[in-house]
Amino acid sequence: MVLPVELQGIFRDEIYEFEMEKRMPYVTSIERMAEEKGREEGREEGREAERSTLLEIISDGLVKKFGAAGKRLAARVRKCRDIARLKAINRALITAKNSKEVESALVEET
């Protein structure tokens, strides 16, 4: 049901007063679903930000440590969507003596 615009503010105020009197906030199922959707979107944005940061760190490390070979490998790593895999690749990069060691970690992880 949609209220006319002039009644929406009045209704909102009355609900607020009722909630304060009863100390019982009213949250509709639609509001709860919207809140959950917002939380999930926030978690997804957080995961994507973490993935982006890991990719930047790994790419920079590969290029600085292994030059052109690292750059080629970084292009393959960028296709990885799994954060746990990217963390494993980053750990391998820390101790790797050559790009093949990181590449084998990438192959093991995919």
Protein backbone atom coordinates (compact mmCIF):
# COMPACT_ATOMS: atom_id res chain seq x y z
CA MET A 1 0.00 0.00 0.00
CA VAL A 2 1.34 3.41 -0.89
CA LEU A 3 0.34 6.41 1.18
CA PRO A 4 -0.05 9.83 -0.36
CA VAL A 5 3.07 11.93 0.14
CA GLU A 6 1.35 14.28 2.60
CA LEU A 7 0.45 11.31 4.85
CA GLN A 8 3.83 9.54 4.76
CA GLY A 9 5.46 11.97 7.19
CA ILE A 10 2.50 11.82 9.58
CA PHE A 11 2.55 8.01 9.51
CA ARG A 12 6.31 7.89 10.09
CA ASP A 13 5.97 10.25 13.08
CA GLU A 14 3.14 8.21 14.58
CA ILE A 15 5.10 4.96 14.23
CA TYR A 16 8.12 6.62 15.86
CA GLU A 17 6.02 7.84 18.80
CA PHE A 18 4.46 4.39 19.18
CA GLU A 19 7.89 2.74 19.19
CA MET A 20 9.15 5.15 21.85
CA GLU A 21 6.11 4.58 24.06
CA LYS A 22 6.31 0.79 23.84
CA ARG A 23 10.10 0.61 23.62
CA MET A 24 9.50 -1.78 20.79
CA PRO A 25 10.83 -0.70 17.42
CA TYR A 26 8.80 -1.95 14.51
CA VAL A 27 10.85 -3.45 11.72
CA THR A 28 8.99 -4.94 8.79
CA SER A 29 10.13 -8.11 7.06
CA ILE A 30 10.93 -5.97 4.03
CA GLU A 31 13.19 -3.77 6.17
CA ARG A 32 14.91 -6.84 7.64
CA MET A 33 15.49 -8.26 4.15
CA ALA A 34 16.83 -4.90 2.97
CA GLU A 35 19.19 -4.73 5.96
CA GLU A 36 20.48 -8.24 5.25
CA LYS A 37 20.93 -7.42 1.57
CA GLY A 38 22.85 -4.29 2.57
CA ARG A 39 25.08 -6.30 4.90
CA GLU A 40 25.77 -8.86 2.17
CA GLU A 41 26.58 -6.11 -0.33
CA GLY A 42 28.95 -4.60 2.22
CA ARG A 43 30.66 -7.96 2.76
CA GLU A 44 30.99 -8.41 -1.01
CA GLU A 45 32.49 -4.94 -1.39
CA GLY A 46 34.93 -5.78 1.40
CA ARG A 47 35.94 -9.03 -0.29
CA GLU A 48 36.43 -7.25 -3.60
CA ALA A 49 38.55 -4.55 -1.94
CA GLU A 50 40.67 -7.25 -0.27
CA ARG A 51 41.06 -9.09 -3.58
CA SER A 52 42.07 -5.89 -5.34
CA THR A 53 44.66 -5.11 -2.66
CA LEU A 54 46.11 -8.61 -2.80
CA LEU A 55 46.33 -8.47 -6.58
CA GLU A 56 48.16 -5.16 -6.42
CA ILE A 57 50.62 -6.47 -3.83
CA ILE A 58 51.25 -9.70 -5.73
CA SER A 59 51.61 -7.97 -9.10
CA ASP A 60 54.03 -5.40 -7.73
CA GLY A 61 56.02 -8.10 -5.97
CA LEU A 62 56.22 -10.28 -9.05
CA VAL A 63 57.41 -7.44 -11.27
CA LYS A 64 59.94 -6.14 -8.74
CA LYS A 65 61.29 -9.58 -7.94
CA PHE A 66 61.24 -11.26 -11.36
CA GLY A 67 60.93 -8.50 -13.98
CA ALA A 68 59.33 -9.49 -17.30
CA ALA A 69 58.69 -13.08 -16.18
CA GLY A 70 56.90 -11.72 -13.12
CA LYS A 71 54.83 -9.40 -15.26
CA ARG A 72 53.66 -12.30 -17.42
CA LEU A 73 52.80 -14.34 -14.34
CA ALA A 74 50.95 -11.38 -12.79
CA ALA A 75 48.59 -11.36 -15.77
CA ARG A 76 47.66 -14.97 -14.98
CA VAL A 77 47.28 -14.27 -11.26
CA ARG A 78 44.83 -11.42 -11.97
CA LYS A 79 42.32 -13.99 -13.25
CA CYS A 80 42.13 -15.59 -9.81
CA ARG A 81 38.92 -14.71 -7.92
CA ASP A 82 39.54 -16.69 -4.72
CA ILE A 83 41.02 -14.70 -1.84
CA ALA A 84 42.40 -17.80 -0.09
CA ARG A 85 44.28 -18.70 -3.28
CA LEU A 86 45.66 -15.20 -3.62
CA LYS A 87 46.90 -15.32 -0.03
CA ALA A 88 48.64 -18.63 -0.74
CA ILE A 89 50.23 -17.18 -3.87
CA ASN A 90 51.41 -14.18 -1.88
CA ARG A 91 52.99 -16.47 0.73
CA ALA A 92 54.75 -18.37 -2.04
CA LEU A 93 56.00 -15.11 -3.52
CA ILE A 94 57.64 -14.12 -0.24
CA THR A 95 59.99 -17.11 -0.24
CA ALA A 96 60.25 -17.83 -3.98
CA LYS A 97 63.70 -17.78 -5.53
CA ASN A 98 62.31 -17.59 -9.07
CA SER A 99 59.01 -17.05 -10.88
CA LYS A 100 58.63 -20.80 -11.49
CA GLU A 101 58.17 -21.35 -7.74
CA VAL A 102 55.31 -18.87 -7.67
CA GLU A 103 53.92 -20.32 -10.88
CA SER A 104 53.89 -23.79 -9.34
CA ALA A 105 52.00 -22.37 -6.36
CA LEU A 106 49.51 -20.85 -8.78
CA VAL A 107 49.08 -24.17 -10.58
CA GLU A 108 48.68 -26.03 -7.26
CA GLU A 109 46.05 -23.55 -6.15
CA THR A 110 43.93 -23.59 -9.32
